[in-house]
Structure formats: C-alpha cells, structure tokens
PDB file of all heavy atoms in Angstrom:
ATOM      1  N   GLN A   1      41.057   4.075 -58.265  1.00  0.00           N
ATOM      2  CA  GLN A   1      39.811   4.566 -57.681  1.00  0.00           C
ATOM      3  C   GLN A   1      38.605   4.023 -58.424  1.00  0.00           C
ATOM      4  O   GLN A   1      37.590   3.665 -57.812  1.00  0.00           O
ATOM      5  CB  GLN A   1      39.797   6.090 -57.692  1.00  0.00           C
ATOM      6  CG  GLN A   1      38.615   6.702 -56.949  1.00  0.00           C
ATOM      7  CD  GLN A   1      38.605   6.329 -55.485  1.00  0.00           C
ATOM      8  OE1 GLN A   1      39.592   6.504 -54.784  1.00  0.00           O
ATOM      9  NE2 GLN A   1      37.483   5.799 -55.003  1.00  0.00           N
ATOM     10  N   ALA A   2      38.716   3.925 -59.743  1.00  0.00           N
ATOM     11  CA  ALA A   2      37.603   3.394 -60.535  1.00  0.00           C
ATOM     12  C   ALA A   2      37.353   1.921 -60.200  1.00  0.00           C
ATOM     13  O   ALA A   2      36.193   1.486 -60.090  1.00  0.00           O
ATOM     14  CB  ALA A   2      37.897   3.560 -62.023  1.00  0.00           C
ATOM     15  N   ILE A   3      38.411   1.145 -60.038  1.00  0.00           N
ATOM     16  CA  ILE A   3      38.253  -0.258 -59.653  1.00  0.00           C
ATOM     17  C   ILE A   3      37.639  -0.344 -58.259  1.00  0.00           C
ATOM     18  O   ILE A   3      36.744  -1.154 -58.007  1.00  0.00           O
ATOM     19  CB  ILE A   3      39.614  -0.980 -59.711  1.00  0.00           C
ATOM     20  CG1 ILE A   3      40.112  -1.057 -61.151  1.00  0.00           C
ATOM     21  CG2 ILE A   3      39.509  -2.381 -59.112  1.00  0.00           C
ATOM     22  CD1 ILE A   3      41.546  -1.540 -61.287  1.00  0.00           C
ATOM     23  N   LEU A   4      38.119   0.496 -57.355  1.00  0.00           N
ATOM     24  CA  LEU A   4      37.593   0.510 -55.992  1.00  0.00           C
ATOM     25  C   LEU A   4      36.111   0.876 -55.972  1.00  0.00           C
ATOM     26  O   LEU A   4      35.331   0.308 -55.199  1.00  0.00           O
ATOM     27  CB  LEU A   4      38.396   1.492 -55.146  1.00  0.00           C
ATOM     28  CG  LEU A   4      38.028   1.602 -53.669  1.00  0.00           C
ATOM     29  CD1 LEU A   4      38.264   0.277 -52.952  1.00  0.00           C
ATOM     30  CD2 LEU A   4      38.839   2.705 -52.998  1.00  0.00           C
ATOM     31  N   ASP A   5      35.706   1.786 -56.820  1.00  0.00           N
ATOM     32  CA  ASP A   5      34.310   2.214 -56.858  1.00  0.00           C
ATOM     33  C   ASP A   5      33.395   1.152 -57.476  1.00  0.00           C
ATOM     34  O   ASP A   5      32.212   1.074 -57.118  1.00  0.00           O
ATOM     35  CB  ASP A   5      34.179   3.503 -57.672  1.00  0.00           C
ATOM     36  CG  ASP A   5      34.803   4.709 -56.981  1.00  0.00           C
ATOM     37  OD1 ASP A   5      35.050   4.640 -55.764  1.00  0.00           O
ATOM     38  OD2 ASP A   5      35.073   5.712 -57.683  1.00  0.00           O
ATOM     39  N   THR A   6      33.926   0.352 -58.391  1.00  0.00           N
ATOM     40  CA  THR A   6      33.104  -0.577 -59.176  1.00  0.00           C
ATOM     41  C   THR A   6      33.048  -1.979 -58.580  1.00  0.00           C
ATOM     42  O   THR A   6      32.060  -2.701 -58.778  1.00  0.00           O
ATOM     43  CB  THR A   6      33.660  -0.659 -60.614  1.00  0.00           C
ATOM     44  OG1 THR A   6      33.848   0.656 -61.133  1.00  0.00           O
ATOM     45  CG2 THR A   6      32.705  -1.424 -61.521  1.00  0.00           C
ATOM     46  N   SER A   7      34.064  -2.373 -57.827  1.00  0.00           N
ATOM     47  CA  SER A   7      34.206  -3.779 -57.432  1.00  0.00           C
ATOM     48  C   SER A   7      33.394  -4.233 -56.215  1.00  0.00           C
ATOM     49  O   SER A   7      33.111  -5.441 -56.103  1.00  0.00           O
ATOM     50  CB  SER A   7      35.683  -4.107 -57.194  1.00  0.00           C
ATOM     51  OG  SER A   7      36.229  -3.278 -56.178  1.00  0.00           O
ATOM     52  N   PRO A   8      33.003  -3.381 -55.271  1.00  0.00           N
ATOM     53  CA  PRO A   8      32.330  -3.899 -54.070  1.00  0.00           C
ATOM     54  C   PRO A   8      31.114  -4.780 -54.311  1.00  0.00           C
ATOM     55  O   PRO A   8      30.942  -5.784 -53.594  1.00  0.00           O
ATOM     56  CB  PRO A   8      31.974  -2.626 -53.291  1.00  0.00           C
ATOM     57  CG  PRO A   8      33.040  -1.662 -53.666  1.00  0.00           C
ATOM     58  CD  PRO A   8      33.290  -1.932 -55.124  1.00  0.00           C
ATOM     59  N   PRO A   9      30.226  -4.501 -55.291  1.00  0.00           N
ATOM     60  CA  PRO A   9      29.097  -5.410 -55.491  1.00  0.00           C
ATOM     61  C   PRO A   9      29.517  -6.827 -55.892  1.00  0.00           C
ATOM     62  O   PRO A   9      28.750  -7.776 -55.718  1.00  0.00           O
ATOM     63  CB  PRO A   9      28.296  -4.732 -56.617  1.00  0.00           C
ATOM     64  CG  PRO A   9      28.642  -3.289 -56.513  1.00  0.00           C
ATOM     65  CD  PRO A   9      30.091  -3.275 -56.127  1.00  0.00           C
ATOM     66  N   LEU A  10      30.732  -6.952 -56.422  1.00  0.00           N
ATOM     67  CA  LEU A  10      31.269  -8.268 -56.757  1.00  0.00           C
ATOM     68  C   LEU A  10      31.961  -8.924 -55.568  1.00  0.00           C
ATOM     69  O   LEU A  10      31.782 -10.116 -55.311  1.00  0.00           O
ATOM     70  CB  LEU A  10      32.279  -8.144 -57.904  1.00  0.00           C
ATOM     71  CG  LEU A  10      31.715  -8.008 -59.315  1.00  0.00           C
ATOM     72  CD1 LEU A  10      32.803  -7.539 -60.264  1.00  0.00           C
ATOM     73  CD2 LEU A  10      31.123  -9.319 -59.792  1.00  0.00           C
ATOM     74  N   THR A  11      32.749  -8.147 -54.847  1.00  0.00           N
ATOM     75  CA  THR A  11      33.601  -8.728 -53.805  1.00  0.00           C
ATOM     76  C   THR A  11      32.906  -8.879 -52.458  1.00  0.00           C
ATOM     77  O   THR A  11      33.048  -9.916 -51.788  1.00  0.00           O
ATOM     78  CB  THR A  11      34.868  -7.878 -53.623  1.00  0.00           C
ATOM     79  OG1 THR A  11      34.499  -6.524 -53.297  1.00  0.00           O
ATOM     80  CG2 THR A  11      35.713  -7.872 -54.888  1.00  0.00           C
ATOM     81  N   MET A  12      32.165  -7.875 -52.051  1.00  0.00           N
ATOM     82  CA  MET A  12      31.576  -7.889 -50.711  1.00  0.00           C
ATOM     83  C   MET A  12      30.662  -9.090 -50.463  1.00  0.00           C
ATOM     84  O   MET A  12      30.714  -9.700 -49.388  1.00  0.00           O
ATOM     85  CB  MET A  12      30.808  -6.578 -50.438  1.00  0.00           C
ATOM     86  CG  MET A  12      31.687  -5.338 -50.412  1.00  0.00           C
ATOM     87  SD  MET A  12      32.888  -5.379 -49.063  1.00  0.00           S
ATOM     88  CE  MET A  12      33.778  -3.843 -49.384  1.00  0.00           C
ATOM     89  N   PRO A  13      29.813  -9.504 -51.431  1.00  0.00           N
ATOM     90  CA  PRO A  13      28.940 -10.650 -51.173  1.00  0.00           C
ATOM     91  C   PRO A  13      29.684 -11.993 -51.163  1.00  0.00           C
ATOM     92  O   PRO A  13      29.103 -13.009 -50.763  1.00  0.00           O
ATOM     93  CB  PRO A  13      27.945 -10.609 -52.340  1.00  0.00           C
ATOM     94  CG  PRO A  13      28.079  -9.262 -52.948  1.00  0.00           C
ATOM     95  CD  PRO A  13      29.484  -8.853 -52.705  1.00  0.00           C
ATOM     96  N   ARG A  14      30.936 -11.995 -51.611  1.00  0.00           N
ATOM     97  CA  ARG A  14      31.682 -13.248 -51.694  1.00  0.00           C
ATOM     98  C   ARG A  14      32.566 -13.495 -50.479  1.00  0.00           C
ATOM     99  O   ARG A  14      32.806 -14.643 -50.100  1.00  0.00           O
ATOM    100  CB  ARG A  14      32.529 -13.258 -52.977  1.00  0.00           C
ATOM    101  CG  ARG A  14      31.695 -13.490 -54.221  1.00  0.00           C
ATOM    102  CD  ARG A  14      32.464 -13.275 -55.515  1.00  0.00           C
ATOM    103  NE  ARG A  14      31.718 -13.841 -56.647  1.00  0.00           N
ATOM    104  CZ  ARG A  14      30.680 -13.237 -57.225  1.00  0.00           C
ATOM    105  NH1 ARG A  14      30.280 -12.054 -56.786  1.00  0.00           N
ATOM    106  NH2 ARG A  14      30.036 -13.824 -58.227  1.00  0.00           N
ATOM    107  N   TYR A  15      33.070 -12.438 -49.879  1.00  0.00           N
ATOM    108  CA  TYR A  15      34.013 -12.609 -48.773  1.00  0.00           C
ATOM    109  C   TYR A  15      33.504 -13.538 -47.667  1.00  0.00           C
ATOM    110  O   TYR A  15      34.245 -14.409 -47.206  1.00  0.00           O
ATOM    111  CB  TYR A  15      34.392 -11.257 -48.178  1.00  0.00           C
ATOM    112  CG  TYR A  15      35.235 -10.385 -49.068  1.00  0.00           C
ATOM    113  CD1 TYR A  15      35.052  -8.998 -49.072  1.00  0.00           C
ATOM    114  CD2 TYR A  15      36.215 -10.907 -49.886  1.00  0.00           C
ATOM    115  CE1 TYR A  15      35.832  -8.169 -49.871  1.00  0.00           C
ATOM    116  CE2 TYR A  15      36.989 -10.088 -50.698  1.00  0.00           C
ATOM    117  CZ  TYR A  15      36.793  -8.708 -50.679  1.00  0.00           C
ATOM    118  OH  TYR A  15      37.564  -7.892 -51.470  1.00  0.00           O
ATOM    119  N   PRO A  16      32.242 -13.400 -47.219  1.00  0.00           N
ATOM    120  CA  PRO A  16      31.811 -14.274 -46.111  1.00  0.00           C
ATOM    121  C   PRO A  16      31.640 -15.735 -46.509  1.00  0.00           C
ATOM    122  O   PRO A  16      31.440 -16.580 -45.634  1.00  0.00           O
ATOM    123  CB  PRO A  16      30.474 -13.663 -45.674  1.00  0.00           C
ATOM    124  CG  PRO A  16      29.989 -12.907 -46.851  1.00  0.00           C
ATOM    125  CD  PRO A  16      31.218 -12.389 -47.548  1.00  0.00           C
ATOM    126  N   LEU A  17      31.768 -16.034 -47.797  1.00  0.00           N
ATOM    127  CA  LEU A  17      31.667 -17.415 -48.266  1.00  0.00           C
ATOM    128  C   LEU A  17      33.041 -18.086 -48.380  1.00  0.00           C
ATOM    129  O   LEU A  17      33.119 -19.265 -48.744  1.00  0.00           O
ATOM    130  CB  LEU A  17      30.981 -17.457 -49.638  1.00  0.00           C
ATOM    131  CG  LEU A  17      29.590 -16.823 -49.741  1.00  0.00           C
ATOM    132  CD1 LEU A  17      29.069 -16.930 -51.167  1.00  0.00           C
ATOM    133  CD2 LEU A  17      28.630 -17.463 -48.758  1.00  0.00           C
ATOM    134  N   LEU A  18      34.107 -17.371 -48.076  1.00  0.00           N
ATOM    135  CA  LEU A  18      35.460 -17.847 -48.357  1.00  0.00           C
ATOM    136  C   LEU A  18      36.135 -18.529 -47.172  1.00  0.00           C
ATOM    137  O   LEU A  18      37.318 -18.847 -47.241  1.00  0.00           O
ATOM    138  CB  LEU A  18      36.343 -16.678 -48.832  1.00  0.00           C
ATOM    139  CG  LEU A  18      35.882 -15.964 -50.104  1.00  0.00           C
ATOM    140  CD1 LEU A  18      36.870 -14.860 -50.467  1.00  0.00           C
ATOM    141  CD2 LEU A  18      35.720 -16.940 -51.259  1.00  0.00           C
ATOM    142  N   ASN A  19      35.420 -18.701 -46.080  1.00  0.00           N
ATOM    143  CA  ASN A  19      35.993 -19.374 -44.909  1.00  0.00           C
ATOM    144  C   ASN A  19      37.231 -18.650 -44.391  1.00  0.00           C
ATOM    145  O   ASN A  19      38.245 -19.269 -44.040  1.00  0.00           O
ATOM    146  CB  ASN A  19      36.331 -20.837 -45.243  1.00  0.00           C
ATOM    147  CG  ASN A  19      36.527 -21.682 -43.993  1.00  0.00           C
ATOM    148  OD1 ASN A  19      35.914 -21.443 -42.956  1.00  0.00           O
ATOM    149  ND2 ASN A  19      37.407 -22.678 -44.074  1.00  0.00           N
ATOM    150  N   LEU A  20      37.142 -17.332 -44.317  1.00  0.00           N
ATOM    151  CA  LEU A  20      38.255 -16.515 -43.844  1.00  0.00           C
ATOM    152  C   LEU A  20      38.212 -16.387 -42.324  1.00  0.00           C
ATOM    153  O   LEU A  20      37.148 -16.481 -41.708  1.00  0.00           O
ATOM    154  CB  LEU A  20      38.192 -15.131 -44.496  1.00  0.00           C
ATOM    155  CG  LEU A  20      38.266 -15.122 -46.028  1.00  0.00           C
ATOM    156  CD1 LEU A  20      38.124 -13.708 -46.566  1.00  0.00           C
ATOM    157  CD2 LEU A  20      39.560 -15.755 -46.526  1.00  0.00           C
ATOM    158  N   PRO A  21      39.357 -16.157 -41.689  1.00  0.00           N
ATOM    159  CA  PRO A  21      39.402 -16.184 -40.219  1.00  0.00           C
ATOM    160  C   PRO A  21      38.594 -15.086 -39.546  1.00  0.00           C
ATOM    161  O   PRO A  21      38.147 -15.271 -38.413  1.00  0.00           O
ATOM    162  CB  PRO A  21      40.898 -16.057 -39.905  1.00  0.00           C
ATOM    163  CG  PRO A  21      41.528 -15.508 -41.141  1.00  0.00           C
ATOM    164  CD  PRO A  21      40.713 -16.018 -42.277  1.00  0.00           C
ATOM    165  N   GLU A  22      38.378 -13.956 -40.201  1.00  0.00           N
ATOM    166  CA  GLU A  22      37.569 -12.904 -39.599  1.00  0.00           C
ATOM    167  C   GLU A  22      36.092 -13.278 -39.522  1.00  0.00           C
ATOM    168  O   GLU A  22      35.308 -12.614 -38.843  1.00  0.00           O
ATOM    169  CB  GLU A  22      37.725 -11.572 -40.346  1.00  0.00           C
ATOM    170  CG  GLU A  22      37.417 -11.630 -41.816  1.00  0.00           C
ATOM    171  CD  GLU A  22      38.661 -11.818 -42.662  1.00  0.00           C
ATOM    172  OE1 GLU A  22      39.559 -12.587 -42.238  1.00  0.00           O
ATOM    173  OE2 GLU A  22      38.746 -11.183 -43.731  1.00  0.00           O
ATOM    174  N   PHE A  23      35.720 -14.368 -40.216  1.00  0.00           N
ATOM    175  CA  PHE A  23      34.349 -14.874 -40.187  1.00  0.00           C
ATOM    176  C   PHE A  23      34.295 -16.248 -39.523  1.00  0.00           C
ATOM    177  O   PHE A  23      33.459 -17.089 -39.875  1.00  0.00           O
ATOM    178  CB  PHE A  23      33.787 -14.959 -41.608  1.00  0.00           C
ATOM    179  CG  PHE A  23      33.922 -13.692 -42.399  1.00  0.00           C
ATOM    180  CD1 PHE A  23      34.514 -13.706 -43.653  1.00  0.00           C
ATOM    181  CD2 PHE A  23      33.465 -12.490 -41.903  1.00  0.00           C
ATOM    182  CE1 PHE A  23      34.640 -12.541 -44.401  1.00  0.00           C
ATOM    183  CE2 PHE A  23      33.597 -11.309 -42.628  1.00  0.00           C
ATOM    184  CZ  PHE A  23      34.185 -11.333 -43.885  1.00  0.00           C
ATOM    185  N   ALA A  24      35.169 -16.493 -38.559  1.00  0.00           N
ATOM    186  CA  ALA A  24      35.301 -17.820 -37.954  1.00  0.00           C
ATOM    187  C   ALA A  24      34.106 -18.213 -37.094  1.00  0.00           C
ATOM    188  O   ALA A  24      33.931 -19.387 -36.782  1.00  0.00           O
ATOM    189  CB  ALA A  24      36.578 -17.894 -37.122  1.00  0.00           C
ATOM    190  N   THR A  25      33.301 -17.241 -36.696  1.00  0.00           N
ATOM    191  CA  THR A  25      32.109 -17.542 -35.921  1.00  0.00           C
ATOM    192  C   THR A  25      30.873 -17.084 -36.686  1.00  0.00           C
ATOM    193  O   THR A  25      30.946 -16.190 -37.545  1.00  0.00           O
ATOM    194  CB  THR A  25      32.130 -16.838 -34.551  1.00  0.00           C
ATOM    195  OG1 THR A  25      32.032 -15.408 -34.753  1.00  0.00           O
ATOM    196  CG2 THR A  25      33.422 -17.159 -33.789  1.00  0.00           C
ATOM    197  N   VAL A  26      29.748 -17.679 -36.371  1.00  0.00           N
ATOM    198  CA  VAL A  26      28.488 -17.276 -37.004  1.00  0.00           C
ATOM    199  C   VAL A  26      28.190 -15.810 -36.691  1.00  0.00           C
ATOM    200  O   VAL A  26      27.736 -15.054 -37.561  1.00  0.00           O
ATOM    201  CB  VAL A  26      27.338 -18.181 -36.529  1.00  0.00           C
ATOM    202  CG1 VAL A  26      25.993 -17.656 -37.028  1.00  0.00           C
ATOM    203  CG2 VAL A  26      27.556 -19.616 -36.995  1.00  0.00           C
ATOM    204  N   ALA A  27      28.470 -15.410 -35.462  1.00  0.00           N
ATOM    205  CA  ALA A  27      28.204 -14.022 -35.059  1.00  0.00           C
ATOM    206  C   ALA A  27      29.035 -13.047 -35.885  1.00  0.00           C
ATOM    207  O   ALA A  27      28.535 -11.993 -36.300  1.00  0.00           O
ATOM    208  CB  ALA A  27      28.495 -13.849 -33.574  1.00  0.00           C
ATOM    209  N   ALA A  28      30.290 -13.389 -36.139  1.00  0.00           N
ATOM    210  CA  ALA A  28      31.159 -12.504 -36.922  1.00  0.00           C
ATOM    211  C   ALA A  28      30.682 -12.416 -38.369  1.00  0.00           C
ATOM    212  O   ALA A  28      30.636 -11.323 -38.954  1.00  0.00           O
ATOM    213  CB  ALA A  28      32.595 -13.008 -36.859  1.00  0.00           C
ATOM    214  N   ARG A  29      30.304 -13.542 -38.941  1.00  0.00           N
ATOM    215  CA  ARG A  29      29.833 -13.553 -40.326  1.00  0.00           C
ATOM    216  C   ARG A  29      28.523 -12.792 -40.455  1.00  0.00           C
ATOM    217  O   ARG A  29      28.328 -12.016 -41.407  1.00  0.00           O
ATOM    218  CB  ARG A  29      29.678 -14.999 -40.803  1.00  0.00           C
ATOM    219  CG  ARG A  29      29.392 -15.140 -42.281  1.00  0.00           C
ATOM    220  CD  ARG A  29      29.611 -16.569 -42.769  1.00  0.00           C
ATOM    221  NE  ARG A  29      28.819 -17.544 -42.034  1.00  0.00           N
ATOM    222  CZ  ARG A  29      29.313 -18.412 -41.167  1.00  0.00           C
ATOM    223  NH1 ARG A  29      30.608 -18.429 -40.889  1.00  0.00           N
ATOM    224  NH2 ARG A  29      28.522 -19.291 -40.549  1.00  0.00           N
ATOM    225  N   ASP A  30      27.624 -12.992 -39.504  1.00  0.00           N
ATOM    226  CA  ASP A  30      26.350 -12.268 -39.540  1.00  0.00           C
ATOM    227  C   ASP A  30      26.566 -10.767 -39.355  1.00  0.00           C
ATOM    228  O   ASP A  30      25.879  -9.956 -39.998  1.00  0.00           O
ATOM    229  CB  ASP A  30      25.422 -12.792 -38.445  1.00  0.00           C
ATOM    230  CG  ASP A  30      24.877 -14.177 -38.748  1.00  0.00           C
ATOM    231  OD1 ASP A  30      25.046 -14.652 -39.882  1.00  0.00           O
ATOM    232  OD2 ASP A  30      24.268 -14.780 -37.834  1.00  0.00           O
ATOM    233  N   HIS A  31      27.508 -10.406 -38.502  1.00  0.00           N
ATOM    234  CA  HIS A  31      27.809  -8.989 -38.265  1.00  0.00           C
ATOM    235  C   HIS A  31      28.255  -8.323 -39.560  1.00  0.00           C
ATOM    236  O   HIS A  31      27.795  -7.225 -39.911  1.00  0.00           O
ATOM    237  CB  HIS A  31      28.893  -8.881 -37.186  1.00  0.00           C
ATOM    238  CG  HIS A  31      29.220  -7.487 -36.778  1.00  0.00           C
ATOM    239  ND1 HIS A  31      30.249  -6.765 -37.350  1.00  0.00           N
ATOM    240  CD2 HIS A  31      28.666  -6.671 -35.848  1.00  0.00           C
ATOM    241  CE1 HIS A  31      30.313  -5.571 -36.778  1.00  0.00           C
ATOM    242  NE2 HIS A  31      29.367  -5.482 -35.877  1.00  0.00           N
ATOM    243  N   TYR A  32      29.150  -8.975 -40.280  1.00  0.00           N
ATOM    244  CA  TYR A  32      29.629  -8.447 -41.557  1.00  0.00           C
ATOM    245  C   TYR A  32      28.480  -8.337 -42.559  1.00  0.00           C
ATOM    246  O   TYR A  32      28.302  -7.294 -43.216  1.00  0.00           O
ATOM    247  CB  TYR A  32      30.716  -9.360 -42.118  1.00  0.00           C
ATOM    248  CG  TYR A  32      31.120  -9.043 -43.539  1.00  0.00           C
ATOM    249  CD1 TYR A  32      32.128  -8.126 -43.797  1.00  0.00           C
ATOM    250  CD2 TYR A  32      30.479  -9.651 -44.628  1.00  0.00           C
ATOM    251  CE1 TYR A  32      32.491  -7.825 -45.104  1.00  0.00           C
ATOM    252  CE2 TYR A  32      30.838  -9.352 -45.924  1.00  0.00           C
ATOM    253  CZ  TYR A  32      31.842  -8.448 -46.158  1.00  0.00           C
ATOM    254  OH  TYR A  32      32.201  -8.142 -47.449  1.00  0.00           O
ATOM    255  N   THR A  33      27.698  -9.400 -42.679  1.00  0.00           N
ATOM    256  CA  THR A  33      26.631  -9.439 -43.672  1.00  0.00           C
ATOM    257  C   THR A  33      25.607  -8.340 -43.429  1.00  0.00           C
ATOM    258  O   THR A  33      25.192  -7.631 -44.362  1.00  0.00           O
ATOM    259  CB  THR A  33      25.948 -10.818 -43.667  1.00  0.00           C
ATOM    260  OG1 THR A  33      26.917 -11.824 -43.968  1.00  0.00           O
ATOM    261  CG2 THR A  33      24.821 -10.876 -44.680  1.00  0.00           C
ATOM    262  N   ILE A  34      25.221  -8.154 -42.193  1.00  0.00           N
ATOM    263  CA  ILE A  34      24.235  -7.117 -41.869  1.00  0.00           C
ATOM    264  C   ILE A  34      24.791  -5.730 -42.183  1.00  0.00           C
ATOM    265  O   ILE A  34      24.115  -4.888 -42.774  1.00  0.00           O
ATOM    266  CB  ILE A  34      23.810  -7.223 -40.394  1.00  0.00           C
ATOM    267  CG1 ILE A  34      22.986  -8.505 -40.183  1.00  0.00           C
ATOM    268  CG2 ILE A  34      23.009  -5.999 -39.968  1.00  0.00           C
ATOM    269  CD1 ILE A  34      22.753  -8.840 -38.725  1.00  0.00           C
ATOM    270  N   ARG A  35      26.038  -5.490 -41.783  1.00  0.00           N
ATOM    271  CA  ARG A  35      26.662  -4.181 -42.032  1.00  0.00           C
ATOM    272  C   ARG A  35      26.722  -3.873 -43.520  1.00  0.00           C
ATOM    273  O   ARG A  35      26.354  -2.771 -43.967  1.00  0.00           O
ATOM    274  CB  ARG A  35      28.086  -4.144 -41.466  1.00  0.00           C
ATOM    275  CG  ARG A  35      28.205  -4.026 -39.971  1.00  0.00           C
ATOM    276  CD  ARG A  35      29.631  -3.669 -39.552  1.00  0.00           C
ATOM    277  NE  ARG A  35      30.646  -4.575 -40.083  1.00  0.00           N
ATOM    278  CZ  ARG A  35      31.571  -4.222 -40.957  1.00  0.00           C
ATOM    279  NH1 ARG A  35      31.613  -2.990 -41.442  1.00  0.00           N
ATOM    280  NH2 ARG A  35      32.478  -5.109 -41.367  1.00  0.00           N
ATOM    281  N   LYS A  36      27.205  -4.818 -44.296  1.00  0.00           N
ATOM    282  CA  LYS A  36      27.445  -4.554 -45.709  1.00  0.00           C
ATOM    283  C   LYS A  36      26.156  -4.545 -46.531  1.00  0.00           C
ATOM    284  O   LYS A  36      26.053  -3.794 -47.512  1.00  0.00           O
ATOM    285  CB  LYS A  36      28.420  -5.584 -46.265  1.00  0.00           C
ATOM    286  CG  LYS A  36      29.810  -5.523 -45.644  1.00  0.00           C
ATOM    287  CD  LYS A  36      30.450  -4.156 -45.791  1.00  0.00           C
ATOM    288  CE  LYS A  36      31.860  -4.131 -45.232  1.00  0.00           C
ATOM    289  NZ  LYS A  36      32.491  -2.795 -45.350  1.00  0.00           N
ATOM    290  N   GLN A  37      25.175  -5.356 -46.144  1.00  0.00           N
ATOM    291  CA  GLN A  37      23.921  -5.344 -46.891  1.00  0.00           C
ATOM    292  C   GLN A  37      23.180  -4.018 -46.721  1.00  0.00           C
ATOM    293  O   GLN A  37      22.423  -3.614 -47.615  1.00  0.00           O
ATOM    294  CB  GLN A  37      23.029  -6.524 -46.470  1.00  0.00           C
ATOM    295  CG  GLN A  37      23.518  -7.856 -47.020  1.00  0.00           C
ATOM    296  CD  GLN A  37      22.546  -9.001 -46.810  1.00  0.00           C
ATOM    297  OE1 GLN A  37      22.507  -9.930 -47.608  1.00  0.00           O
ATOM    298  NE2 GLN A  37      21.762  -8.956 -45.745  1.00  0.00           N
ATOM    299  N   LYS A  38      23.402  -3.335 -45.613  1.00  0.00           N
ATOM    300  CA  LYS A  38      22.810  -2.005 -45.442  1.00  0.00           C
ATOM    301  C   LYS A  38      23.343  -1.023 -46.484  1.00  0.00           C
ATOM    302  O   LYS A  38      22.650  -0.085 -46.878  1.00  0.00           O
ATOM    303  CB  LYS A  38      23.099  -1.481 -44.039  1.00  0.00           C
ATOM    304  CG  LYS A  38      22.317  -2.168 -42.933  1.00  0.00           C
ATOM    305  CD  LYS A  38      22.685  -1.595 -41.570  1.00  0.00           C
ATOM    306  CE  LYS A  38      21.900  -2.262 -40.458  1.00  0.00           C
ATOM    307  NZ  LYS A  38      22.291  -1.737 -39.115  1.00  0.00           N
ATOM    308  N   VAL A  39      24.568  -1.259 -46.932  1.00  0.00           N
ATOM    309  CA  VAL A  39      25.216  -0.360 -47.894  1.00  0.00           C
ATOM    310  C   VAL A  39      24.980  -0.817 -49.331  1.00  0.00           C
ATOM    311  O   VAL A  39      24.645  -0.009 -50.215  1.00  0.00           O
ATOM    312  CB  VAL A  39      26.724  -0.264 -47.612  1.00  0.00           C
ATOM    313  CG1 VAL A  39      27.407   0.639 -48.647  1.00  0.00           C
ATOM    314  CG2 VAL A  39      26.977   0.237 -46.201  1.00  0.00           C
TER     315      VAL A  39
END
C-alpha cells in the first residue's frame, strides 16, 4: 500500500511515453493525460 501510495507521481507521467497499445492513438493518449493530470 505504501508503494502504491507513493509511486503514481513517478509512473503516471511516464506511461504515455512508452508506446503502449492502450495509447496507440493520439486521442487515447490525450484522454489518459487529461484524466491523470487532473489528479
């Protein structure tokens, strides 16, 4: 739980840079970025 609570500021901004299939379109990547930056 402590790792889960501490790691998002490290991991969340990196995921959309990794060329992962859930971000295969610009719309999908932007959708993720907007959602997570709000948090």
